């Protein structure tokens, strides 16, 4: 799929777009919870949605078999850090800092970012509402899922919606959403962990006005 098209599709799903299929699985350390009754499915999801963004958390976004990024977020500030294949991105208010350890997979040509490897590059939040920089990231997909009608409960707290599923952890919080078309997973774990995302030291930061964050992957 063309990178721009993949980005638009991923964006519509990560934000509040139409979810064709969704699923959620508990963190490996979380215990399973009993499945709710059909009449209790919607209220259970709605209650879980009210807790999104109230605690720090670790999150992981996976697109297909190749795109994967893991991060942490402090909802009190909205600041987050995300690590993917060859990059680390920090969002601090309107500022974005990117540290490349390898050439981005979606570079326009080989060596496009050779001068930026190994250092922090400062830029600003893109103006095109990329998924990772949109309001509600990374909680929006779970909030949209919670509002889907016809949630059917399964075993161990799993909910079936359309072509996907959703699970809550033992505390009743969303832990993972899995979409089948396109293949995408958004997971949440380690709620309440200490998170402090700060700007890199000034002497380690460079300006590159030609740096394009979108070349890191579809969610940017």
N, C-alpha and C. Protein backbone atom coordinates (compact mmCIF):
# COMPACT_ATOMS: atom_id res chain seq x y z
N UNK A 1 0.85 -1.18 0.00
CA UNK A 1 0.00 0.00 0.00
C UNK A 1 0.89 1.24 0.00
N UNK A 2 0.53 2.25 -0.72
CA UNK A 2 1.29 3.47 -0.76
C UNK A 2 1.38 4.03 0.65
N UNK A 3 2.58 4.60 1.01
CA UNK A 3 2.79 5.06 2.37
C UNK A 3 1.75 6.08 2.80
N UNK A 4 1.40 7.02 1.89
CA UNK A 4 0.42 8.04 2.25
C UNK A 4 -0.94 7.41 2.53
N UNK A 5 -1.31 6.42 1.72
CA UNK A 5 -2.60 5.76 1.93
C UNK A 5 -2.60 5.01 3.25
N UNK A 6 -1.49 4.32 3.57
CA UNK A 6 -1.40 3.60 4.83
C UNK A 6 -1.53 4.56 6.00
N UNK A 7 -0.93 5.74 5.85
CA UNK A 7 -0.98 6.72 6.92
C UNK A 7 -2.40 7.21 7.14
N UNK A 8 -3.13 7.44 6.06
CA UNK A 8 -4.51 7.90 6.19
C UNK A 8 -5.38 6.84 6.83
N UNK A 9 -5.19 5.58 6.41
CA UNK A 9 -5.98 4.49 6.98
C UNK A 9 -5.67 4.33 8.46
N UNK A 10 -4.37 4.31 8.79
CA UNK A 10 -3.99 4.17 10.19
C UNK A 10 -4.53 5.33 11.01
N UNK A 11 -4.48 6.53 10.44
CA UNK A 11 -4.96 7.69 11.15
C UNK A 11 -6.43 7.62 11.45
N UNK A 12 -7.22 7.19 10.49
CA UNK A 12 -8.67 7.12 10.69
C UNK A 12 -9.03 6.12 11.77
N UNK A 13 -8.19 5.09 11.93
CA UNK A 13 -8.46 4.08 12.94
C UNK A 13 -7.92 4.48 14.30
N UNK A 14 -6.75 5.10 14.32
CA UNK A 14 -6.17 5.51 15.59
C UNK A 14 -6.95 6.67 16.20
N UNK A 15 -7.55 7.49 15.37
CA UNK A 15 -8.34 8.60 15.88
C UNK A 15 -9.75 8.11 16.11
N UNK A 16 -10.73 8.85 15.68
CA UNK A 16 -12.12 8.46 15.95
C UNK A 16 -12.81 8.06 14.66
N UNK A 17 -12.09 7.41 13.77
CA UNK A 17 -12.66 6.99 12.51
C UNK A 17 -13.49 5.74 12.64
N UNK A 18 -13.90 5.20 11.51
CA UNK A 18 -14.73 4.00 11.51
C UNK A 18 -13.85 2.80 11.78
N UNK A 19 -14.20 2.02 12.81
CA UNK A 19 -13.46 0.82 13.15
C UNK A 19 -14.17 -0.38 12.56
N UNK A 20 -13.54 -1.01 11.59
CA UNK A 20 -14.15 -2.18 10.97
C UNK A 20 -13.99 -3.40 11.85
N UNK A 21 -12.87 -3.46 12.60
CA UNK A 21 -12.64 -4.60 13.48
C UNK A 21 -11.71 -4.15 14.56
N UNK A 22 -11.92 -4.62 15.80
CA UNK A 22 -11.05 -4.19 16.88
C UNK A 22 -10.88 -5.30 17.89
N UNK A 23 -9.71 -5.28 18.61
CA UNK A 23 -9.48 -6.27 19.64
C UNK A 23 -8.53 -5.79 20.69
N UNK A 24 -8.59 -6.32 21.88
CA UNK A 24 -7.83 -5.83 23.03
C UNK A 24 -7.41 -7.00 23.90
N UNK A 25 -6.08 -7.18 24.22
CA UNK A 25 -5.65 -8.30 25.04
C UNK A 25 -4.88 -7.79 26.24
N UNK A 26 -5.00 -8.45 27.35
CA UNK A 26 -4.40 -7.97 28.58
C UNK A 26 -2.90 -8.07 28.52
N UNK A 27 -2.24 -7.19 29.30
CA UNK A 27 -0.79 -7.23 29.43
C UNK A 27 -0.38 -8.57 30.02
N UNK A 28 0.81 -9.01 29.67
CA UNK A 28 1.24 -10.35 30.06
C UNK A 28 1.18 -10.56 31.57
N UNK A 29 1.40 -9.48 32.34
CA UNK A 29 1.41 -9.65 33.78
C UNK A 29 0.03 -9.50 34.40
N UNK A 30 -0.99 -9.12 33.60
CA UNK A 30 -2.33 -8.91 34.14
C UNK A 30 -3.07 -10.23 34.24
N UNK A 31 -3.97 -10.32 35.23
CA UNK A 31 -4.79 -11.50 35.39
C UNK A 31 -6.02 -11.41 34.51
N UNK A 32 -6.59 -12.55 34.17
CA UNK A 32 -7.82 -12.57 33.40
C UNK A 32 -9.00 -12.22 34.30
N UNK A 33 -10.04 -11.68 33.68
CA UNK A 33 -11.24 -11.33 34.43
C UNK A 33 -12.41 -12.08 33.85
N UNK A 34 -13.44 -12.37 34.65
CA UNK A 34 -14.60 -13.10 34.14
C UNK A 34 -15.30 -12.32 33.04
N UNK A 35 -15.88 -13.04 32.08
CA UNK A 35 -16.59 -12.39 31.00
C UNK A 35 -17.90 -11.80 31.51
N UNK A 36 -18.21 -10.55 31.12
CA UNK A 36 -19.46 -9.96 31.55
C UNK A 36 -20.63 -10.53 30.76
N UNK A 37 -21.82 -10.33 31.23
CA UNK A 37 -23.01 -10.76 30.50
C UNK A 37 -23.23 -9.83 29.33
N UNK A 38 -23.97 -10.27 28.28
CA UNK A 38 -24.21 -9.40 27.14
C UNK A 38 -24.79 -8.06 27.53
N UNK A 39 -25.71 -8.03 28.50
CA UNK A 39 -26.32 -6.77 28.89
C UNK A 39 -25.33 -5.84 29.58
N UNK A 40 -24.23 -6.43 30.10
CA UNK A 40 -23.24 -5.61 30.79
C UNK A 40 -22.06 -5.22 29.94
N UNK A 41 -22.02 -5.66 28.69
CA UNK A 41 -20.86 -5.40 27.84
C UNK A 41 -20.67 -3.91 27.59
N UNK A 42 -21.71 -3.22 27.13
CA UNK A 42 -21.59 -1.80 26.81
C UNK A 42 -21.22 -0.96 28.02
N UNK A 43 -21.89 -1.13 29.17
CA UNK A 43 -21.49 -0.36 30.35
C UNK A 43 -20.06 -0.64 30.80
N UNK A 44 -19.63 -1.89 30.65
CA UNK A 44 -18.26 -2.24 31.05
C UNK A 44 -17.25 -1.51 30.19
N UNK A 45 -17.47 -1.49 28.87
CA UNK A 45 -16.58 -0.77 27.97
C UNK A 45 -16.63 0.73 28.22
N UNK A 46 -17.83 1.24 28.47
CA UNK A 46 -17.98 2.67 28.73
C UNK A 46 -17.23 3.08 29.99
N UNK A 47 -17.31 2.24 31.01
CA UNK A 47 -16.59 2.52 32.25
C UNK A 47 -15.09 2.50 32.03
N UNK A 48 -14.62 1.53 31.24
CA UNK A 48 -13.19 1.45 30.93
C UNK A 48 -12.74 2.70 30.18
N UNK A 49 -13.59 3.21 29.30
CA UNK A 49 -13.24 4.39 28.52
C UNK A 49 -13.06 5.62 29.39
N UNK A 50 -13.81 5.72 30.48
CA UNK A 50 -13.69 6.88 31.35
C UNK A 50 -12.34 6.94 32.05
N UNK A 51 -11.64 5.81 32.09
CA UNK A 51 -10.34 5.77 32.77
C UNK A 51 -9.18 6.05 31.84
N UNK A 52 -9.44 6.06 30.54
CA UNK A 52 -8.37 6.33 29.58
C UNK A 52 -7.84 7.75 29.77
N UNK A 53 -6.54 7.88 29.81
CA UNK A 53 -5.94 9.20 29.95
C UNK A 53 -5.93 9.74 31.36
N UNK A 54 -6.27 8.92 32.34
CA UNK A 54 -6.23 9.37 33.73
C UNK A 54 -4.97 8.90 34.45
N UNK A 55 -4.21 8.00 33.81
CA UNK A 55 -2.99 7.47 34.40
C UNK A 55 -1.88 7.44 33.36
N UNK A 56 -0.66 7.51 33.82
CA UNK A 56 0.46 7.26 32.93
C UNK A 56 0.37 5.82 32.44
N UNK A 57 1.00 5.54 31.32
CA UNK A 57 0.92 4.19 30.77
C UNK A 57 2.00 3.98 29.73
N UNK A 58 2.22 2.72 29.43
CA UNK A 58 3.05 2.33 28.29
C UNK A 58 2.11 1.91 27.17
N UNK A 59 2.44 2.26 25.93
CA UNK A 59 1.60 1.89 24.81
C UNK A 59 2.45 1.38 23.66
N UNK A 60 1.84 0.53 22.84
CA UNK A 60 2.52 -0.02 21.67
C UNK A 60 1.57 0.02 20.49
N UNK A 61 2.06 0.52 19.38
CA UNK A 61 1.29 0.55 18.14
C UNK A 61 2.00 -0.34 17.13
N UNK A 62 1.27 -1.30 16.57
CA UNK A 62 1.83 -2.21 15.57
C UNK A 62 0.97 -2.16 14.32
N UNK A 63 1.60 -1.92 13.18
CA UNK A 63 0.92 -1.90 11.90
C UNK A 63 1.47 -3.03 11.04
N UNK A 64 0.62 -4.01 10.70
CA UNK A 64 1.08 -5.13 9.90
C UNK A 64 2.19 -5.88 10.60
N UNK A 65 3.14 -6.38 9.81
CA UNK A 65 4.23 -7.16 10.37
C UNK A 65 5.51 -6.36 10.54
N UNK A 66 5.55 -5.13 10.00
CA UNK A 66 6.81 -4.41 9.95
C UNK A 66 6.86 -3.16 10.82
N UNK A 67 5.74 -2.46 10.98
CA UNK A 67 5.74 -1.19 11.69
C UNK A 67 5.37 -1.41 13.16
N UNK A 68 6.30 -1.05 14.05
CA UNK A 68 6.03 -1.22 15.48
C UNK A 68 6.74 -0.13 16.27
N UNK A 69 6.01 0.51 17.17
CA UNK A 69 6.59 1.54 18.02
C UNK A 69 6.01 1.40 19.43
N UNK A 70 6.87 1.57 20.42
CA UNK A 70 6.47 1.48 21.81
C UNK A 70 6.80 2.78 22.52
N UNK A 71 5.89 3.23 23.38
CA UNK A 71 6.13 4.50 24.04
C UNK A 71 5.55 4.57 25.43
N UNK A 72 5.77 5.72 26.07
CA UNK A 72 5.17 6.03 27.37
C UNK A 72 4.55 7.40 27.26
N UNK A 73 3.51 7.65 28.06
CA UNK A 73 2.83 8.94 28.02
C UNK A 73 2.48 9.40 29.42
N UNK A 74 2.61 10.71 29.62
CA UNK A 74 2.18 11.36 30.85
C UNK A 74 0.94 12.18 30.51
N UNK A 75 -0.26 11.69 30.82
CA UNK A 75 -1.47 12.41 30.43
C UNK A 75 -1.62 13.76 31.12
N UNK A 76 -0.93 13.96 32.24
CA UNK A 76 -1.03 15.25 32.93
C UNK A 76 -0.45 16.37 32.08
N UNK A 77 0.57 16.06 31.29
CA UNK A 77 1.21 17.06 30.43
C UNK A 77 0.92 16.83 28.95
N UNK A 78 0.55 15.59 28.60
CA UNK A 78 0.39 15.23 27.20
C UNK A 78 1.71 14.87 26.54
N UNK A 79 2.80 14.93 27.29
CA UNK A 79 4.11 14.60 26.73
C UNK A 79 4.26 13.09 26.60
N UNK A 80 4.89 12.66 25.49
CA UNK A 80 5.14 11.24 25.31
C UNK A 80 6.48 11.01 24.63
N UNK A 81 6.98 9.79 24.77
CA UNK A 81 8.18 9.35 24.06
C UNK A 81 7.85 8.03 23.38
N UNK A 82 8.26 7.89 22.13
CA UNK A 82 7.97 6.68 21.38
C UNK A 82 9.24 6.21 20.67
N UNK A 83 9.50 4.91 20.76
CA UNK A 83 10.68 4.30 20.15
C UNK A 83 10.25 3.30 19.10
N UNK A 84 10.83 3.43 17.91
CA UNK A 84 10.54 2.52 16.82
C UNK A 84 11.81 2.02 16.19
N UNK A 85 11.71 1.48 15.00
CA UNK A 85 12.85 0.92 14.30
C UNK A 85 13.77 2.04 13.82
N UNK A 86 14.83 2.29 14.58
CA UNK A 86 15.80 3.30 14.17
C UNK A 86 15.50 4.71 14.62
N UNK A 87 14.55 4.90 15.52
CA UNK A 87 14.25 6.27 15.95
C UNK A 87 13.68 6.31 17.37
N UNK A 88 13.83 7.48 17.98
CA UNK A 88 13.15 7.83 19.22
C UNK A 88 12.52 9.19 18.99
N UNK A 89 11.25 9.34 19.33
CA UNK A 89 10.54 10.61 19.16
C UNK A 89 10.00 11.04 20.50
N UNK A 90 10.22 12.30 20.84
CA UNK A 90 9.63 12.88 22.04
C UNK A 90 8.74 14.05 21.64
N UNK A 91 7.53 14.05 22.17
CA UNK A 91 6.66 15.21 22.00
C UNK A 91 6.55 15.92 23.34
N UNK A 92 6.88 17.20 23.33
CA UNK A 92 6.80 18.02 24.53
C UNK A 92 6.08 19.30 24.14
N UNK A 93 4.78 19.34 24.41
CA UNK A 93 3.98 20.49 23.98
C UNK A 93 4.02 20.61 22.46
N UNK A 94 4.33 21.80 21.94
CA UNK A 94 4.40 21.99 20.49
C UNK A 94 5.72 21.55 19.88
N UNK A 95 6.66 21.14 20.71
CA UNK A 95 7.99 20.75 20.22
C UNK A 95 8.08 19.25 20.02
N UNK A 96 8.83 18.86 19.00
CA UNK A 96 9.08 17.45 18.70
C UNK A 96 10.59 17.27 18.56
N UNK A 97 11.11 16.24 19.21
CA UNK A 97 12.53 15.92 19.12
C UNK A 97 12.66 14.49 18.59
N UNK A 98 13.51 14.33 17.58
CA UNK A 98 13.69 13.03 16.94
C UNK A 98 15.17 12.67 16.97
N UNK A 99 15.47 11.47 17.41
CA UNK A 99 16.84 10.96 17.37
C UNK A 99 16.86 9.72 16.49
N UNK A 100 17.61 9.80 15.41
CA UNK A 100 17.71 8.69 14.47
C UNK A 100 18.95 7.86 14.77
N UNK A 101 18.78 6.55 14.77
CA UNK A 101 19.91 5.64 14.86
C UNK A 101 20.09 4.86 13.56
N UNK A 102 19.16 5.05 12.64
CA UNK A 102 19.23 4.42 11.32
C UNK A 102 18.41 5.26 10.35
N UNK A 103 18.69 5.12 9.08
CA UNK A 103 17.92 5.84 8.07
C UNK A 103 16.47 5.37 8.11
N UNK A 104 15.50 6.29 8.17
CA UNK A 104 14.09 5.89 8.20
C UNK A 104 13.71 5.02 7.01
N UNK A 105 12.88 4.03 7.27
CA UNK A 105 12.46 3.11 6.20
C UNK A 105 11.70 3.82 5.10
N UNK A 106 11.09 4.97 5.41
CA UNK A 106 10.27 5.66 4.43
C UNK A 106 10.94 6.92 3.89
N UNK A 107 12.27 6.98 3.97
CA UNK A 107 13.00 8.11 3.39
C UNK A 107 12.75 8.18 1.89
N UNK A 108 12.81 9.38 1.36
CA UNK A 108 12.56 9.57 -0.06
C UNK A 108 13.70 9.01 -0.91
N UNK A 109 14.92 9.03 -0.36
CA UNK A 109 16.07 8.49 -1.10
C UNK A 109 17.13 8.08 -0.08
N UNK A 110 18.01 7.12 -0.42
CA UNK A 110 19.04 6.65 0.51
C UNK A 110 19.94 7.80 0.96
N UNK A 111 20.21 7.86 2.25
CA UNK A 111 21.09 8.89 2.78
C UNK A 111 20.43 10.23 3.02
N UNK A 112 19.12 10.31 2.90
CA UNK A 112 18.43 11.59 3.07
C UNK A 112 18.70 12.20 4.44
N UNK A 113 18.82 11.33 5.46
CA UNK A 113 19.01 11.83 6.82
C UNK A 113 20.37 11.44 7.39
N UNK A 114 21.35 11.23 6.53
CA UNK A 114 22.67 10.80 6.98
C UNK A 114 23.28 11.78 7.98
N UNK A 115 23.07 13.08 7.77
CA UNK A 115 23.66 14.08 8.66
C UNK A 115 22.96 14.16 10.02
N UNK A 116 21.78 13.56 10.12
CA UNK A 116 21.03 13.63 11.37
C UNK A 116 21.21 12.41 12.26
N UNK A 117 21.87 11.38 11.77
CA UNK A 117 22.01 10.15 12.54
C UNK A 117 22.78 10.40 13.84
N UNK A 118 22.25 9.88 14.94
CA UNK A 118 22.95 9.96 16.21
C UNK A 118 22.76 11.25 16.99
N UNK A 119 21.98 12.17 16.49
CA UNK A 119 21.76 13.42 17.23
C UNK A 119 20.26 13.72 17.31
N UNK A 120 19.92 14.58 18.23
CA UNK A 120 18.52 14.99 18.37
C UNK A 120 18.22 16.13 17.41
N UNK A 121 17.15 15.99 16.67
CA UNK A 121 16.71 17.04 15.74
C UNK A 121 15.43 17.64 16.28
N UNK A 122 15.40 18.95 16.38
CA UNK A 122 14.21 19.66 16.87
C UNK A 122 13.34 20.09 15.70
N UNK A 123 12.05 19.84 15.83
CA UNK A 123 11.09 20.32 14.85
C UNK A 123 9.80 20.64 15.61
N UNK A 124 8.74 20.93 14.91
CA UNK A 124 7.47 21.25 15.56
C UNK A 124 6.42 20.23 15.18
N UNK A 125 5.33 20.22 15.93
CA UNK A 125 4.23 19.29 15.65
C UNK A 125 3.70 19.55 14.25
N UNK A 126 3.58 18.52 13.41
CA UNK A 126 3.05 18.71 12.05
C UNK A 126 1.65 19.31 12.08
N UNK A 127 1.33 20.04 11.03
CA UNK A 127 0.02 20.71 10.96
C UNK A 127 -1.04 19.87 10.28
N UNK A 128 -0.68 18.67 9.81
CA UNK A 128 -1.64 17.87 9.04
C UNK A 128 -2.36 16.82 9.89
N UNK A 129 -2.39 17.01 11.21
CA UNK A 129 -3.14 16.12 12.11
C UNK A 129 -2.74 14.65 11.95
N UNK A 130 -1.43 14.39 11.87
CA UNK A 130 -0.96 13.01 11.83
C UNK A 130 -1.43 12.29 13.09
N UNK A 131 -1.72 10.99 13.00
CA UNK A 131 -2.30 10.26 14.14
C UNK A 131 -1.55 10.44 15.45
N UNK A 132 -0.22 10.34 15.41
CA UNK A 132 0.55 10.42 16.65
C UNK A 132 0.49 11.79 17.31
N UNK A 133 0.13 12.81 16.54
CA UNK A 133 0.11 14.16 17.08
C UNK A 133 -1.30 14.72 17.23
N UNK A 134 -2.29 13.90 16.99
CA UNK A 134 -3.68 14.35 17.09
C UNK A 134 -4.14 14.32 18.54
N UNK A 135 -5.17 15.09 18.82
CA UNK A 135 -5.73 15.14 20.16
C UNK A 135 -6.26 13.75 20.55
N UNK A 136 -5.95 13.33 21.76
CA UNK A 136 -6.44 12.05 22.24
C UNK A 136 -5.51 10.88 22.01
N UNK A 137 -4.39 11.09 21.32
CA UNK A 137 -3.43 10.00 21.13
C UNK A 137 -2.79 9.67 22.47
N UNK A 138 -2.60 8.39 22.79
CA UNK A 138 -2.93 7.17 22.04
C UNK A 138 -4.23 6.50 22.49
N UNK A 139 -5.14 7.27 23.08
CA UNK A 139 -6.35 6.69 23.67
C UNK A 139 -7.54 6.64 22.72
N UNK A 140 -7.48 7.40 21.61
CA UNK A 140 -8.66 7.62 20.79
C UNK A 140 -9.26 6.33 20.24
N UNK A 141 -8.42 5.40 19.82
CA UNK A 141 -8.95 4.16 19.24
C UNK A 141 -9.76 3.38 20.27
N UNK A 142 -9.29 3.34 21.51
CA UNK A 142 -10.03 2.63 22.55
C UNK A 142 -11.34 3.34 22.87
N UNK A 143 -11.32 4.67 22.87
CA UNK A 143 -12.56 5.41 23.13
C UNK A 143 -13.59 5.14 22.04
N UNK A 144 -13.12 5.11 20.78
CA UNK A 144 -14.04 4.82 19.69
C UNK A 144 -14.59 3.41 19.81
N UNK A 145 -13.73 2.47 20.15
CA UNK A 145 -14.16 1.09 20.34
C UNK A 145 -15.24 0.99 21.41
N UNK A 146 -15.07 1.72 22.48
CA UNK A 146 -16.02 1.65 23.59
C UNK A 146 -17.41 2.09 23.17
N UNK A 147 -17.48 2.92 22.13
CA UNK A 147 -18.78 3.40 21.68
C UNK A 147 -19.41 2.58 20.59
N UNK A 148 -18.75 1.49 20.18
CA UNK A 148 -19.31 0.65 19.13
C UNK A 148 -20.51 -0.15 19.65
N UNK A 149 -21.59 -0.23 18.90
CA UNK A 149 -22.76 -1.01 19.35
C UNK A 149 -22.54 -2.51 19.16
N UNK A 150 -23.32 -3.29 19.87
CA UNK A 150 -23.33 -4.73 19.65
C UNK A 150 -22.15 -5.48 20.21
N UNK A 151 -21.51 -4.96 21.26
CA UNK A 151 -20.38 -5.66 21.84
C UNK A 151 -20.83 -6.99 22.43
N UNK A 152 -20.17 -8.07 22.03
CA UNK A 152 -20.51 -9.40 22.52
C UNK A 152 -19.38 -9.91 23.40
N UNK A 153 -19.67 -10.27 24.65
CA UNK A 153 -18.61 -10.73 25.54
C UNK A 153 -18.16 -12.13 25.22
N UNK A 154 -16.88 -12.39 25.44
CA UNK A 154 -16.33 -13.73 25.28
C UNK A 154 -15.66 -14.15 26.57
N UNK A 155 -14.74 -15.09 26.48
CA UNK A 155 -14.06 -15.59 27.67
C UNK A 155 -13.03 -14.59 28.17
N UNK A 156 -12.79 -14.62 29.47
CA UNK A 156 -11.73 -13.84 30.12
C UNK A 156 -11.81 -12.35 29.81
N UNK A 157 -13.01 -11.80 29.81
CA UNK A 157 -13.15 -10.37 29.63
C UNK A 157 -12.98 -9.89 28.21
N UNK A 158 -13.01 -10.79 27.25
CA UNK A 158 -12.81 -10.39 25.85
C UNK A 158 -14.14 -10.00 25.22
N UNK A 159 -14.11 -8.92 24.46
CA UNK A 159 -15.29 -8.44 23.75
C UNK A 159 -15.09 -8.60 22.25
N UNK A 160 -16.09 -9.10 21.57
CA UNK A 160 -16.05 -9.24 20.12
C UNK A 160 -16.86 -8.11 19.50
N UNK A 161 -16.22 -7.36 18.61
CA UNK A 161 -16.89 -6.27 17.91
C UNK A 161 -16.52 -6.37 16.44
N UNK A 162 -17.50 -6.63 15.59
CA UNK A 162 -17.20 -6.77 14.17
C UNK A 162 -16.28 -7.93 13.95
N UNK A 163 -15.14 -7.69 13.32
CA UNK A 163 -14.18 -8.74 13.04
C UNK A 163 -13.05 -8.80 14.02
N UNK A 164 -13.18 -8.15 15.16
CA UNK A 164 -12.08 -8.14 16.12
C UNK A 164 -12.53 -8.42 17.53
N UNK A 165 -11.63 -8.22 18.48
CA UNK A 165 -11.94 -8.46 19.89
C UNK A 165 -11.34 -7.35 20.74
N UNK A 166 -11.75 -7.29 21.99
CA UNK A 166 -11.19 -6.34 22.95
C UNK A 166 -11.12 -7.00 24.31
N UNK A 167 -10.03 -6.78 25.02
CA UNK A 167 -9.89 -7.31 26.38
C UNK A 167 -9.58 -6.18 27.35
N UNK A 168 -10.03 -6.36 28.58
CA UNK A 168 -9.69 -5.47 29.67
C UNK A 168 -8.78 -6.20 30.64
N UNK A 169 -7.94 -5.46 31.35
CA UNK A 169 -7.10 -6.11 32.35
C UNK A 169 -7.91 -6.35 33.62
N UNK A 170 -7.27 -6.90 34.65
CA UNK A 170 -7.97 -7.28 35.87
C UNK A 170 -8.59 -6.08 36.58
N UNK A 171 -8.06 -4.89 36.32
CA UNK A 171 -8.59 -3.68 36.94
C UNK A 171 -9.68 -3.02 36.09
N UNK A 172 -10.05 -3.66 34.97
CA UNK A 172 -11.10 -3.12 34.13
C UNK A 172 -10.66 -2.03 33.19
N UNK A 173 -9.35 -2.00 32.84
CA UNK A 173 -8.82 -1.00 31.93
C UNK A 173 -8.50 -1.63 30.58
N UNK A 174 -8.62 -0.82 29.51
CA UNK A 174 -8.24 -1.33 28.20
C UNK A 174 -6.77 -1.71 28.21
N UNK A 175 -6.46 -2.83 27.54
CA UNK A 175 -5.07 -3.23 27.42
C UNK A 175 -4.60 -3.43 25.99
N UNK A 176 -5.49 -3.81 25.07
CA UNK A 176 -5.05 -3.92 23.67
C UNK A 176 -6.24 -3.93 22.73
N UNK A 177 -6.07 -3.29 21.58
CA UNK A 177 -7.08 -3.26 20.53
C UNK A 177 -6.42 -3.81 19.27
N UNK A 178 -7.03 -4.81 18.68
CA UNK A 178 -6.46 -5.42 17.48
C UNK A 178 -7.43 -5.29 16.32
N UNK A 179 -6.98 -4.71 15.24
CA UNK A 179 -7.77 -4.58 14.03
C UNK A 179 -7.30 -5.61 13.02
N UNK A 180 -8.22 -6.17 12.26
CA UNK A 180 -7.85 -7.20 11.30
C UNK A 180 -7.68 -6.67 9.89
N UNK A 181 -8.31 -5.57 9.54
CA UNK A 181 -8.21 -5.04 8.18
C UNK A 181 -8.29 -3.52 8.22
N UNK A 182 -7.13 -2.84 8.14
CA UNK A 182 -5.77 -3.38 8.04
C UNK A 182 -5.30 -3.93 9.38
N UNK A 183 -4.28 -4.77 9.32
CA UNK A 183 -3.76 -5.39 10.53
C UNK A 183 -3.09 -4.33 11.40
N UNK A 184 -3.65 -4.08 12.56
CA UNK A 184 -3.10 -3.07 13.46
C UNK A 184 -3.48 -3.40 14.89
N UNK A 185 -2.55 -3.15 15.80
CA UNK A 185 -2.79 -3.37 17.22
C UNK A 185 -2.34 -2.15 18.00
N UNK A 186 -3.15 -1.73 18.95
CA UNK A 186 -2.77 -0.69 19.90
C UNK A 186 -2.94 -1.28 21.29
N UNK A 187 -1.85 -1.34 22.05
CA UNK A 187 -1.93 -1.93 23.38
C UNK A 187 -1.56 -0.91 24.44
N UNK A 188 -2.07 -1.14 25.64
CA UNK A 188 -1.82 -0.27 26.79
C UNK A 188 -1.41 -1.16 27.96
N UNK A 189 -0.38 -0.77 28.69
CA UNK A 189 0.11 -1.60 29.79
C UNK A 189 0.82 -0.72 30.82
N UNK A 190 1.18 -1.33 31.94
CA UNK A 190 1.96 -0.66 32.98
C UNK A 190 1.35 0.67 33.40
N UNK A 191 0.03 0.66 33.60
CA UNK A 191 -0.64 1.87 34.06
C UNK A 191 -0.03 2.34 35.39
N UNK A 192 0.18 3.65 35.50
CA UNK A 192 0.70 4.22 36.74
C UNK A 192 2.20 4.22 36.87
N UNK A 193 2.94 3.74 35.85
CA UNK A 193 4.38 3.72 35.96
C UNK A 193 4.92 5.16 35.96
N UNK A 194 6.08 5.41 36.61
CA UNK A 194 6.65 6.75 36.59
C UNK A 194 7.04 7.15 35.16
N UNK A 195 6.59 8.31 34.72
CA UNK A 195 6.91 8.80 33.38
C UNK A 195 7.33 10.26 33.48
N UNK A 196 8.49 10.56 32.93
CA UNK A 196 8.96 11.95 32.88
C UNK A 196 9.65 12.15 31.54
N UNK A 197 8.98 12.84 30.65
CA UNK A 197 9.51 13.08 29.30
C UNK A 197 9.98 14.52 29.24
N UNK A 198 11.27 14.71 28.99
CA UNK A 198 11.85 16.05 28.97
C UNK A 198 12.62 16.28 27.67
N UNK A 199 12.90 17.53 27.39
CA UNK A 199 13.68 17.86 26.20
C UNK A 199 15.13 17.42 26.37
N UNK A 200 15.78 17.02 25.30
CA UNK A 200 17.20 16.65 25.39
C UNK A 200 18.03 17.88 25.77
N UNK A 201 19.25 17.68 26.28
CA UNK A 201 20.12 18.81 26.56
C UNK A 201 20.33 19.68 25.32
N UNK A 202 20.35 20.97 25.51
CA UNK A 202 20.43 21.90 24.37
C UNK A 202 21.65 21.65 23.49
N UNK A 203 22.76 21.25 24.11
CA UNK A 203 23.98 21.05 23.31
C UNK A 203 23.94 19.76 22.49
N UNK A 204 22.86 18.98 22.65
CA UNK A 204 22.71 17.76 21.85
C UNK A 204 21.64 17.91 20.77
N UNK A 205 21.07 19.11 20.66
CA UNK A 205 19.95 19.34 19.75
C UNK A 205 20.40 20.16 18.55
N UNK A 206 19.95 19.74 17.37
CA UNK A 206 20.23 20.46 16.13
C UNK A 206 18.92 20.81 15.45
N UNK A 207 18.96 21.82 14.61
CA UNK A 207 17.79 22.22 13.83
C UNK A 207 17.94 21.71 12.40
N UNK A 208 16.90 21.14 11.86
CA UNK A 208 16.88 20.70 10.46
C UNK A 208 15.50 20.99 9.92
N UNK A 209 15.37 22.12 9.24
CA UNK A 209 14.06 22.57 8.78
C UNK A 209 13.51 21.70 7.65
N UNK A 210 14.34 20.83 7.09
CA UNK A 210 13.89 19.94 6.03
C UNK A 210 13.50 18.56 6.58
N UNK A 211 13.63 18.38 7.88
CA UNK A 211 13.31 17.09 8.48
C UNK A 211 11.81 16.84 8.38
N UNK A 212 11.43 15.66 7.89
CA UNK A 212 10.02 15.30 7.72
C UNK A 212 9.70 14.13 8.63
N UNK A 213 8.96 14.40 9.70
CA UNK A 213 8.63 13.36 10.68
C UNK A 213 7.83 12.24 10.04
N UNK A 214 7.02 12.56 9.03
CA UNK A 214 6.17 11.56 8.37
C UNK A 214 6.98 10.42 7.76
N UNK A 215 8.25 10.65 7.47
CA UNK A 215 9.07 9.59 6.88
C UNK A 215 9.41 8.48 7.88
N UNK A 216 9.09 8.69 9.15
CA UNK A 216 9.35 7.65 10.14
C UNK A 216 8.37 6.50 10.02
N UNK A 217 7.15 6.77 9.55
CA UNK A 217 6.15 5.72 9.44
C UNK A 217 4.75 6.28 9.33
N UNK A 218 3.76 5.43 9.06
CA UNK A 218 2.39 5.88 8.81
C UNK A 218 1.72 6.63 9.96
N UNK A 219 2.11 6.33 11.21
CA UNK A 219 1.42 7.01 12.31
C UNK A 219 1.92 8.43 12.52
N UNK A 220 3.01 8.81 11.83
CA UNK A 220 3.54 10.16 11.95
C UNK A 220 3.14 11.05 10.78
